[in-house]
Amino acid sequence: MAADRPLNVVMFLVDDLGWTDLGCFGSSFYETPNVDRLSASGMRFTDAYAACPVCSPTRASIMTGKYPNRVGITDYINPAGNNQPEKWNRKTKLLPAPYQDRLALNETTLAEVFHDSGYATFFAGKWHLGPAGFWPEDQGFDINRGGIDRGGPYGGKRYFSPYDNPRLTDGPDGEHLPDRLARETVKFIEDNQDRPFLAYLSFYSVHTPLISRPDLEKKYEEKRSQLKTDSPIWGEEGARKVRLVQEHAVYAGMVEGMDLAVGTVLDALDRLKLADDTIVFFMSDNGGLSTSEGHPTSNLPLRAGKGWLYEGGIREPMIVRWPGVTKPGSVCRSAVVSTDFFPTMLEAAGLPLRKDLHVDGISFVDLLHGKERVRPPMYWHYPHYGNQGGAPGGAIRKGDWKLIQWYEGDRLELFNLAKDPSEQQNVAEENPEVAMMLKKDLGQWLVETGAVMPSPNPGKGSSR
């Protein structure tokens, strides 16, 4: 790294990518050579968490460094408000808590801090943090390519041009969205190679609709035909079936399409001789989709997936490469959470963290240097019924202990993640003192952060 050059920052955020959806995280079906080489040249985190099991809250946590309930965004933002309590029509025991449907403009975002420090700032892809007037260009990004209120590529030809996206001009008919977003990111880097930059590539991939490039889909159909089983293998998670084997050809093609886009950006950093001056982050916003909407992936050995407070819903594949700091091919087993990106990026770039921001995140620059630490507890508050079968609840992880408090009936589940990462053995009855201690800690945090709770449903039933 040039001694007189500020550090550039590149962030890859993938949508709905599961913990084992990468070759470097154990997948033998999906092929991800570009992300794998990023891992081989950087540090892989085994215990990295999203701040929520669904997208918008985690995205807000990255932008602000705060837990989602502090900014009021605790569920995915539905522009029509159909998941708000006043429009709730499901026969559930509780009404979901109300939530804010936009990231308030008075929140100081990561992009605003970098912009005010002289960085060129760029956003591409999925935003999903509010309507027009609350888009990336209103929150500190100089350039916005594709970031609007939608949670997926729902216009035009979805993952192919024409996109029907007011912040992304249409390309040639059939142009692939991940590739286009990557090329837009490369153009920004090329245009700003002589000044420090923050480039945030937030994929729409691999969110539904499940649509792959036809050639990649064909590739994985042929690969699937070589497996010992010719049909999906299912388990049960509550009332939902859960996929137990990764063999969905369309989804695999979507994962590889994302990987190719990552490679396009990494290659550009190499070509422009910027790789040594750039810290690269890679993360997913929530667990892989395994219990709903096509059930496209399996998160085994983790339990459940997107929309659940079990590990499959919140533990994410994460990689950081900081040349000269992270040891190539290293592995970090210390716990981190998505709120931590904010202070980490600032510290890495040598920018001060203003005390008036009151972020919840804790910088993990020390971990990038290879040091070890014991992290303070991490918390979750999801007062909603996920589309994927999950129910309202809160959670805390302290050391190897993880407690889930389900708000329906105040039911507790306690797991020792060191012994039981698959969360199959609820040991709350055998460890009542631990369970009560963690419940008290979680309760205090909920009060401190102003968490809004679900309420009894006057038209309650049993269907989720």
Protein backbone atom coordinates (compact mmCIF):
# COMPACT_ATOMS: atom_id res chain seq x y z
CA MET A 1 0.00 0.00 0.00
CA ALA A 2 1.26 3.46 -0.89
CA ALA A 3 2.14 5.25 2.34
CA ASP A 4 0.65 8.56 1.21
CA ARG A 5 -2.53 7.19 -0.32
CA PRO A 6 -5.80 6.90 1.68
CA LEU A 7 -7.30 3.43 1.81
CA ASN A 8 -10.06 2.67 -0.69
CA VAL A 9 -13.07 0.64 0.48
CA VAL A 10 -15.04 -1.89 -1.57
CA MET A 11 -18.08 -3.58 -0.04
CA PHE A 12 -19.85 -6.57 -1.59
CA LEU A 13 -23.21 -7.27 0.04
CA VAL A 14 -25.07 -10.30 -1.33
CA ASP A 15 -28.81 -10.76 -0.81
CA ASP A 16 -30.01 -14.01 0.82
CA LEU A 17 -26.70 -15.86 0.45
CA GLY A 18 -26.49 -18.71 2.95
CA TRP A 19 -23.57 -19.53 5.24
CA THR A 20 -22.47 -22.54 3.19
CA ASP A 21 -23.33 -21.18 -0.28
CA LEU A 22 -19.68 -20.64 -1.25
CA GLY A 23 -16.95 -23.11 -2.08
CA CYS A 24 -14.69 -21.59 0.57
CA PHE A 25 -17.48 -22.09 3.14
CA GLY A 26 -18.06 -25.73 2.25
CA SER A 27 -20.37 -25.93 -0.76
CA SER A 28 -19.56 -28.77 -3.13
CA PHE A 29 -22.37 -27.93 -5.57
CA TYR A 30 -22.16 -24.16 -6.12
CA GLU A 31 -18.98 -22.95 -7.85
CA THR A 32 -17.56 -19.64 -6.63
CA PRO A 33 -13.93 -19.40 -7.77
CA ASN A 34 -13.72 -15.61 -7.53
CA VAL A 35 -15.03 -15.33 -3.99
CA ASP A 36 -12.87 -18.32 -3.12
CA ARG A 37 -9.76 -16.48 -4.34
CA LEU A 38 -10.82 -13.45 -2.31
CA SER A 39 -10.94 -15.74 0.72
CA ALA A 40 -7.57 -17.27 -0.15
CA SER A 41 -6.02 -13.81 -0.27
CA GLY A 42 -7.80 -12.49 2.84
CA MET A 43 -9.47 -13.53 6.09
CA ARG A 44 -12.56 -15.73 6.36
CA PHE A 45 -14.88 -15.23 9.33
CA THR A 46 -16.72 -18.31 10.61
CA ASP A 47 -18.89 -16.54 13.21
CA ALA A 48 -20.13 -13.44 11.40
CA TYR A 49 -23.74 -12.39 11.91
CA ALA A 50 -26.38 -10.23 10.29
CA ALA A 51 -28.22 -7.99 12.73
CA CYS A 52 -31.55 -9.41 11.54
CA PRO A 53 -32.79 -12.54 9.73
CA VAL A 54 -34.29 -10.38 6.92
CA CYS A 55 -32.84 -7.74 4.64
CA SER A 56 -33.81 -4.10 5.32
CA PRO A 57 -32.88 -4.12 9.03
CA THR A 58 -29.44 -5.58 8.33
CA ARG A 59 -28.86 -3.04 5.58
CA ALA A 60 -29.77 -0.25 7.98
CA SER A 61 -27.36 -1.67 10.56
CA ILE A 62 -24.49 -1.54 8.07
CA MET A 63 -25.35 2.00 6.98
CA THR A 64 -25.57 3.37 10.53
CA GLY A 65 -23.60 1.04 12.78
CA LYS A 66 -26.70 0.77 14.96
CA TYR A 67 -28.93 -2.14 15.87
CA PRO A 68 -32.08 -2.15 13.70
CA ASN A 69 -34.46 -1.38 16.58
CA ARG A 70 -32.56 1.85 17.29
CA VAL A 71 -33.49 3.16 13.84
CA GLY A 72 -36.95 1.56 13.92
CA ILE A 73 -36.46 -0.73 10.90
CA THR A 74 -37.06 -4.21 12.29
CA ASP A 75 -38.64 -5.95 9.28
CA TYR A 76 -38.17 -5.94 5.53
CA ILE A 77 -39.75 -2.78 4.14
CA ASN A 78 -42.97 -3.50 2.30
CA PRO A 79 -43.80 -0.33 0.31
CA ALA A 80 -47.53 -1.13 0.59
CA GLY A 81 -47.27 -1.70 4.33
CA ASN A 82 -48.82 -5.16 4.15
CA ASN A 83 -46.64 -6.45 6.99
CA GLN A 84 -47.60 -3.59 9.31
CA PRO A 85 -50.04 -4.41 12.16
CA GLU A 86 -52.88 -2.27 10.79
CA LYS A 87 -52.97 -4.35 7.60
CA TRP A 88 -52.22 -7.71 9.21
CA ASN A 89 -54.66 -10.44 8.14
CA ARG A 90 -52.92 -13.62 9.26
CA LYS A 91 -54.36 -15.59 12.18
CA THR A 92 -51.33 -15.32 14.42
CA LYS A 93 -51.28 -15.09 18.21
CA LEU A 94 -49.58 -11.71 18.09
CA LEU A 95 -49.76 -8.68 15.88
CA PRO A 96 -46.32 -7.82 14.53
CA ALA A 97 -44.76 -4.66 15.84
CA PRO A 98 -44.97 -1.53 13.68
CA TYR A 99 -41.72 -0.47 12.01
CA GLN A 100 -40.33 2.53 10.15
CA ASP A 101 -40.54 2.19 6.37
CA ARG A 102 -37.50 4.36 5.59
CA LEU A 103 -34.06 5.15 6.94
CA ALA A 104 -34.45 8.60 8.47
CA LEU A 105 -32.45 11.34 6.79
CA ASN A 106 -31.18 12.53 10.16
CA GLU A 107 -29.29 9.27 10.60
CA THR A 108 -25.61 9.65 9.74
CA THR A 109 -24.71 6.99 7.22
CA LEU A 110 -21.44 5.32 6.38
CA ALA A 111 -21.52 7.02 2.98
CA GLU A 112 -22.01 10.46 4.50
CA VAL A 113 -18.98 10.07 6.74
CA PHE A 114 -16.78 8.97 3.85
CA HIS A 115 -18.19 11.65 1.53
CA ASP A 116 -17.53 14.37 4.10
CA SER A 117 -13.98 13.06 4.43
CA GLY A 118 -13.25 13.60 0.74
CA TYR A 119 -14.09 10.16 -0.62
CA ALA A 120 -15.95 9.57 -3.85
CA THR A 121 -18.95 7.39 -2.94
CA PHE A 122 -20.83 4.93 -5.13
CA PHE A 123 -23.77 2.59 -4.68
CA ALA A 124 -25.00 -0.11 -7.05
CA GLY A 125 -27.85 -2.60 -6.66
CA LYS A 126 -30.40 -3.22 -3.94
CA TRP A 127 -31.15 -0.40 -1.47
CA HIS A 128 -34.58 -1.25 0.06
CA LEU A 129 -34.35 1.44 2.74
CA GLY A 130 -37.19 3.73 1.77
CA PRO A 131 -39.08 5.48 -1.03
CA ALA A 132 -37.89 8.22 -3.40
CA GLY A 133 -36.27 10.96 -1.35
CA PHE A 134 -34.61 8.35 0.85
CA TRP A 135 -32.51 6.62 -1.81
CA PRO A 136 -28.69 6.31 -1.84
CA GLU A 137 -28.17 9.74 -3.39
CA ASP A 138 -30.08 11.22 -0.45
CA GLN A 139 -27.94 9.34 2.08
CA GLY A 140 -24.38 10.26 1.10
CA PHE A 141 -23.69 8.44 -2.16
CA ASP A 142 -22.51 10.52 -5.11
CA ILE A 143 -23.74 7.96 -7.61
CA ASN A 144 -26.64 5.49 -7.42
CA ARG A 145 -27.03 2.72 -9.96
CA GLY A 146 -30.16 0.71 -9.31
CA GLY A 147 -30.91 1.48 -5.65
CA ILE A 148 -34.63 2.11 -5.12
CA ASP A 149 -37.43 1.03 -2.78
CA ARG A 150 -37.86 -2.48 -4.21
CA GLY A 151 -36.57 -5.52 -2.38
CA GLY A 152 -35.89 -7.43 -5.58
CA PRO A 153 -35.54 -6.93 -9.34
CA TYR A 154 -39.28 -6.93 -9.90
CA GLY A 155 -39.54 -4.71 -12.99
CA GLY A 156 -39.05 -5.46 -16.67
CA LYS A 157 -37.32 -8.77 -17.31
CA ARG A 158 -36.26 -9.05 -13.69
CA TYR A 159 -32.62 -10.14 -13.76
CA PHE A 160 -32.26 -9.17 -17.41
CA SER A 161 -32.57 -5.90 -19.31
CA PRO A 162 -34.87 -4.04 -19.76
CA TYR A 163 -34.99 -3.53 -15.98
CA ASP A 164 -37.74 -0.93 -15.52
CA ASN A 165 -35.63 0.62 -12.77
CA PRO A 166 -35.66 4.45 -12.47
CA ARG A 167 -32.06 4.45 -11.21
CA LEU A 168 -30.61 2.07 -13.81
CA THR A 169 -30.82 2.73 -17.53
CA ASP A 170 -31.65 -0.28 -19.65
CA GLY A 171 -28.81 -2.06 -21.36
CA PRO A 172 -28.99 -4.28 -24.44
CA ASP A 173 -31.90 -6.70 -24.38
CA GLY A 174 -30.97 -9.67 -22.19
CA GLU A 175 -28.08 -7.99 -20.39
CA HIS A 176 -27.52 -9.77 -17.05
CA LEU A 177 -28.11 -7.58 -13.99
CA PRO A 178 -25.19 -8.78 -11.79
CA ASP A 179 -22.77 -8.24 -14.65
CA ARG A 180 -24.18 -4.78 -15.33
CA LEU A 181 -23.86 -3.74 -11.68
CA ALA A 182 -20.28 -4.99 -11.62
CA ARG A 183 -19.39 -3.05 -14.76
CA GLU A 184 -20.97 0.10 -13.32
CA THR A 185 -18.81 -0.40 -10.23
CA VAL A 186 -15.70 -0.82 -12.37
CA LYS A 187 -16.48 2.36 -14.30
CA PHE A 188 -16.78 4.28 -11.04
CA ILE A 189 -13.45 2.90 -9.84
CA GLU A 190 -11.78 3.77 -13.13
CA ASP A 191 -13.16 7.31 -13.01
CA ASN A 192 -11.97 7.78 -9.42
CA GLN A 193 -8.74 5.82 -9.36
CA ASP A 194 -6.73 8.93 -8.48
CA ARG A 195 -8.73 9.73 -5.34
CA PRO A 196 -9.99 7.66 -2.38
CA PHE A 197 -13.32 5.96 -2.94
CA LEU A 198 -16.05 3.92 -1.28
CA ALA A 199 -17.66 1.51 -3.73
CA TYR A 200 -20.68 -0.38 -2.34
CA LEU A 201 -21.94 -3.16 -4.62
CA SER A 202 -25.16 -4.44 -3.06
CA PHE A 203 -26.36 -7.34 -5.19
CA TYR A 204 -29.99 -8.07 -5.91
CA SER A 205 -28.70 -11.62 -6.31
CA VAL A 206 -29.52 -14.21 -5.04
CA HIS A 207 -32.95 -12.98 -3.95
CA THR A 208 -36.12 -14.24 -5.60
CA PRO A 209 -37.34 -14.35 -8.33
CA LEU A 210 -35.29 -17.45 -8.97
CA ILE A 211 -33.95 -16.77 -12.45
CA SER A 212 -30.53 -17.77 -13.75
CA ARG A 213 -28.59 -17.20 -16.91
CA PRO A 214 -29.76 -20.10 -19.15
CA ASP A 215 -26.22 -21.38 -19.77
CA LEU A 216 -25.48 -21.51 -16.05
CA GLU A 217 -28.78 -23.20 -15.29
CA LYS A 218 -27.97 -25.86 -17.89
CA LYS A 219 -24.51 -26.33 -16.38
CA TYR A 220 -25.95 -27.08 -12.96
CA GLU A 221 -28.74 -29.26 -14.29
CA GLU A 222 -26.02 -31.44 -15.75
CA LYS A 223 -24.08 -31.32 -12.50
CA ARG A 224 -27.19 -32.25 -10.52
CA SER A 225 -27.73 -35.28 -12.75
CA GLN A 226 -24.42 -36.63 -11.45
CA LEU A 227 -25.59 -36.58 -7.83
CA LYS A 228 -26.62 -39.77 -6.08
CA THR A 229 -30.14 -38.46 -5.59
CA ASP A 230 -32.43 -37.34 -8.38
CA SER A 231 -34.88 -35.44 -6.16
CA PRO A 232 -34.68 -32.93 -3.30
CA ILE A 233 -34.25 -34.16 0.28
CA TRP A 234 -36.45 -32.44 2.83
CA GLY A 235 -36.61 -31.99 6.57
CA GLU A 236 -39.05 -30.10 8.77
CA GLU A 237 -38.75 -26.78 10.57
CA GLY A 238 -41.94 -26.11 12.47
CA ALA A 239 -44.76 -26.29 9.96
CA ARG A 240 -42.38 -25.73 7.04
CA LYS A 241 -40.33 -28.12 4.99
CA VAL A 242 -36.64 -27.26 4.81
CA ARG A 243 -34.18 -28.20 2.08
CA LEU A 244 -31.36 -30.43 3.29
CA VAL A 245 -29.19 -30.71 0.17
CA GLN A 246 -27.79 -28.05 -2.14
CA GLU A 247 -28.87 -29.12 -5.63
CA HIS A 248 -31.14 -26.36 -6.99
CA ALA A 249 -29.79 -25.70 -10.49
CA VAL A 250 -31.36 -22.26 -10.97
CA TYR A 251 -30.13 -21.02 -7.61
CA ALA A 252 -26.66 -22.43 -8.28
CA GLY A 253 -26.58 -20.47 -11.53
CA MET A 254 -27.55 -17.32 -9.63
CA VAL A 255 -24.75 -17.88 -7.13
CA GLU A 256 -22.21 -18.31 -9.91
CA GLY A 257 -23.56 -15.23 -11.69
CA MET A 258 -22.90 -13.24 -8.53
CA ASP A 259 -19.43 -14.76 -8.25
CA LEU A 260 -18.57 -13.77 -11.82
CA ALA A 261 -19.58 -10.19 -11.01
CA VAL A 262 -17.32 -10.17 -7.95
CA GLY A 263 -14.52 -11.38 -10.20
CA THR A 264 -15.11 -8.49 -12.61
CA VAL A 265 -14.52 -5.97 -9.82
CA LEU A 266 -11.54 -7.81 -8.31
CA ASP A 267 -9.92 -8.06 -11.74
CA ALA A 268 -10.36 -4.31 -12.23
CA LEU A 269 -8.63 -3.58 -8.93
CA ASP A 270 -5.72 -5.72 -10.08
CA ARG A 271 -5.64 -4.19 -13.57
CA LEU A 272 -5.66 -0.64 -12.19
CA LYS A 273 -3.01 -1.59 -9.58
CA LEU A 274 -5.37 -0.56 -6.79
CA ALA A 275 -5.69 -3.90 -4.99
CA ASP A 276 -2.91 -3.11 -2.51
CA ASP A 277 -4.60 0.18 -1.63
CA THR A 278 -8.09 -1.26 -1.15
CA ILE A 279 -9.78 -3.09 1.70
CA VAL A 280 -12.48 -5.43 0.44
CA PHE A 281 -15.45 -6.66 2.50
CA PHE A 282 -17.83 -9.46 1.51
CA MET A 283 -21.00 -10.34 3.44
CA SER A 284 -24.62 -11.51 3.12
CA ASP A 285 -27.60 -9.65 4.60
CA ASN A 286 -29.35 -12.70 6.09
CA GLY A 287 -29.38 -16.47 5.93
CA GLY A 288 -30.10 -18.54 2.86
CA LEU A 289 -33.71 -19.11 1.82
CA SER A 290 -34.45 -22.70 2.83
CA THR A 291 -38.02 -22.88 4.18
CA SER A 292 -40.07 -20.89 1.66
CA GLU A 293 -40.39 -19.37 -1.82
CA GLY A 294 -38.85 -22.26 -3.70
CA HIS A 295 -36.64 -23.41 -0.80
CA PRO A 296 -33.61 -22.93 -3.08
CA THR A 297 -30.72 -23.69 -0.71
CA SER A 298 -29.67 -25.63 2.37
CA ASN A 299 -27.84 -24.04 5.29
CA LEU A 300 -26.78 -27.28 6.95
CA PRO A 301 -25.21 -27.80 9.39
CA LEU A 302 -26.98 -24.67 10.60
CA ARG A 303 -30.66 -24.79 11.51
CA ALA A 304 -33.42 -23.15 9.42
CA GLY A 305 -32.67 -20.10 7.27
CA LYS A 306 -33.85 -16.66 6.25
CA GLY A 307 -36.59 -15.29 8.50
CA TRP A 308 -35.57 -17.38 11.53
CA LEU A 309 -33.51 -16.50 14.62
CA TYR A 310 -31.74 -19.85 14.44
CA GLU A 311 -28.18 -19.77 13.12
CA GLY A 312 -29.26 -20.51 9.55
CA GLY A 313 -31.12 -17.21 9.51
CA ILE A 314 -28.44 -14.92 10.91
CA ARG A 315 -24.95 -16.45 10.51
CA GLU A 316 -23.33 -15.26 7.29
CA PRO A 317 -20.37 -15.99 5.03
CA MET A 318 -17.98 -13.08 5.53
CA ILE A 319 -14.54 -12.31 4.08
CA VAL A 320 -12.22 -9.32 4.48
CA ARG A 321 -9.07 -8.67 2.46
CA TRP A 322 -6.74 -5.90 3.58
CA PRO A 323 -3.38 -6.34 1.85
CA GLY A 324 -0.49 -6.04 4.26
CA VAL A 325 -2.79 -6.58 7.25
CA THR A 326 -4.93 -9.71 6.83
CA LYS A 327 -2.91 -12.89 6.49
CA PRO A 328 -3.78 -14.66 3.21
CA GLY A 329 -5.96 -17.70 3.78
CA SER A 330 -6.47 -16.93 7.46
CA VAL A 331 -9.57 -17.81 9.45
CA CYS A 332 -11.12 -15.78 12.28
CA ARG A 333 -13.46 -17.55 14.69
CA SER A 334 -14.27 -14.50 16.80
CA ALA A 335 -17.86 -13.29 16.60
CA VAL A 336 -18.73 -10.11 14.70
CA VAL A 337 -22.05 -8.61 13.60
CA SER A 338 -23.10 -6.31 10.75
CA THR A 339 -23.21 -3.22 12.99
CA ASP A 340 -19.43 -3.60 13.27
CA PHE A 341 -18.73 -2.63 9.64
CA PHE A 342 -19.28 1.09 10.31
CA PRO A 343 -16.56 1.60 12.94
CA THR A 344 -14.25 -0.95 11.29
CA MET A 345 -14.27 0.80 7.91
CA LEU A 346 -13.65 4.16 9.51
CA GLU A 347 -10.77 2.92 11.65
CA ALA A 348 -9.19 1.09 8.73
CA ALA A 349 -9.38 4.27 6.63
CA GLY A 350 -7.96 6.36 9.47
CA LEU A 351 -11.16 8.38 9.86
CA PRO A 352 -12.40 9.42 13.30
CA LEU A 353 -15.62 7.99 14.68
CA ARG A 354 -17.64 10.94 15.95
CA LYS A 355 -18.72 10.39 19.53
CA ASP A 356 -22.13 11.94 18.88
CA LEU A 357 -23.05 9.06 16.52
CA HIS A 358 -23.47 6.55 19.37
CA VAL A 359 -22.95 3.47 17.19
CA ASP A 360 -23.54 -0.02 18.58
CA GLY A 361 -20.91 -1.61 16.39
CA ILE A 362 -17.42 -2.45 17.62
CA SER A 363 -14.44 -2.17 15.29
CA PHE A 364 -12.82 -5.50 14.45
CA VAL A 365 -9.60 -4.01 13.05
CA ASP A 366 -7.76 -5.86 15.81
CA LEU A 367 -9.09 -9.15 14.45
CA LEU A 368 -7.89 -8.25 10.97
CA HIS A 369 -4.42 -7.87 12.46
CA GLY A 370 -4.67 -11.45 13.72
CA LYS A 371 -5.38 -10.68 17.36
CA GLU A 372 -7.97 -12.50 19.45
CA ARG A 373 -10.65 -11.07 21.69
CA VAL A 374 -13.80 -11.90 23.58
CA ARG A 375 -16.67 -9.90 22.13
CA PRO A 376 -19.40 -8.41 24.33
CA PRO A 377 -22.86 -9.94 23.80
CA MET A 378 -24.65 -9.59 20.48
CA TYR A 379 -28.41 -9.10 20.32
CA TRP A 380 -31.33 -9.58 17.95
CA HIS A 381 -34.91 -8.31 18.03
CA TYR A 382 -37.30 -9.55 15.35
CA PRO A 383 -40.87 -8.76 16.51
CA HIS A 384 -42.44 -10.09 13.31
CA TYR A 385 -43.71 -13.21 11.58
CA GLY A 386 -41.34 -13.94 8.73
CA ASN A 387 -42.63 -15.05 5.35
CA GLN A 388 -40.42 -18.08 5.87
CA GLY A 389 -42.16 -19.45 8.98
CA GLY A 390 -40.29 -17.74 11.80
CA ALA A 391 -42.14 -16.14 14.72
CA PRO A 392 -41.52 -12.98 16.79
CA GLY A 393 -38.57 -13.27 19.11
CA GLY A 394 -35.35 -11.91 20.47
CA ALA A 395 -31.94 -13.50 20.87
CA ILE A 396 -28.60 -12.98 22.56
CA ARG A 397 -25.24 -14.63 22.00
CA LYS A 398 -22.67 -14.36 24.80
CA GLY A 399 -19.59 -16.45 24.31
CA ASP A 400 -20.71 -19.91 23.23
CA TRP A 401 -24.17 -19.47 24.75
CA LYS A 402 -27.14 -18.41 22.66
CA LEU A 403 -30.63 -17.78 24.04
CA ILE A 404 -33.75 -17.31 21.93
CA GLN A 405 -36.79 -15.83 23.63
CA TRP A 406 -39.91 -16.45 21.58
CA TYR A 407 -42.42 -13.72 22.29
CA GLU A 408 -45.38 -16.07 21.84
CA GLY A 409 -45.75 -17.43 25.37
CA ASP A 410 -42.32 -16.21 26.48
CA ARG A 411 -40.72 -19.57 25.54
CA LEU A 412 -36.95 -19.92 25.95
CA GLU A 413 -34.43 -21.97 24.01
CA LEU A 414 -30.80 -22.14 25.12
CA PHE A 415 -28.00 -23.59 23.02
CA ASN A 416 -24.28 -24.10 23.49
CA LEU A 417 -23.02 -23.27 20.00
CA ALA A 418 -19.57 -24.77 20.63
CA LYS A 419 -21.10 -28.17 21.33
CA ASP A 420 -24.28 -27.82 19.28
CA PRO A 421 -23.91 -25.41 16.32
CA SER A 422 -26.97 -27.03 14.71
CA GLU A 423 -29.13 -25.97 17.70
CA GLN A 424 -30.72 -29.36 18.19
CA GLN A 425 -30.49 -29.56 21.99
CA ASN A 426 -32.40 -26.97 24.02
CA VAL A 427 -30.52 -27.00 27.33
CA ALA A 428 -32.50 -24.25 29.09
CA GLU A 429 -33.89 -26.62 31.74
CA GLU A 430 -30.44 -28.04 32.50
CA ASN A 431 -28.93 -24.55 32.79
CA PRO A 432 -31.62 -22.36 34.37
CA GLU A 433 -29.17 -19.84 35.82
CA VAL A 434 -27.55 -19.24 32.41
CA ALA A 435 -30.95 -18.96 30.74
CA MET A 436 -32.25 -16.45 33.28
CA MET A 437 -29.05 -14.41 33.18
CA LEU A 438 -29.21 -14.14 29.40
CA LYS A 439 -32.92 -13.40 29.43
CA LYS A 440 -32.33 -10.56 31.89
CA ASP A 441 -29.49 -9.18 29.75
CA LEU A 442 -31.64 -9.36 26.62
CA GLY A 443 -34.54 -7.66 28.42
CA GLN A 444 -32.33 -4.81 29.58
CA TRP A 445 -31.02 -4.32 26.05
CA LEU A 446 -34.56 -4.24 24.64
CA VAL A 447 -35.48 -1.47 27.07
CA GLU A 448 -32.26 0.44 26.47
CA THR A 449 -32.69 0.43 22.70
CA GLY A 450 -36.40 1.32 22.76
CA ALA A 451 -37.46 -1.92 21.14
CA VAL A 452 -41.08 -1.96 19.98
CA MET A 453 -42.80 -5.21 20.90
CA PRO A 454 -45.60 -7.16 19.18
CA SER A 455 -49.04 -6.99 20.75
CA PRO A 456 -51.89 -9.49 21.27
CA ASN A 457 -53.92 -10.16 18.13
CA PRO A 458 -57.67 -9.69 18.74
CA GLY A 459 -58.37 -12.07 15.85
CA LYS A 460 -55.76 -14.58 16.92
CA GLY A 461 -55.59 -18.09 15.59
CA SER A 462 -52.91 -20.69 15.14
CA SER A 463 -51.93 -20.30 11.50
CA ARG A 464 -48.63 -18.65 10.60
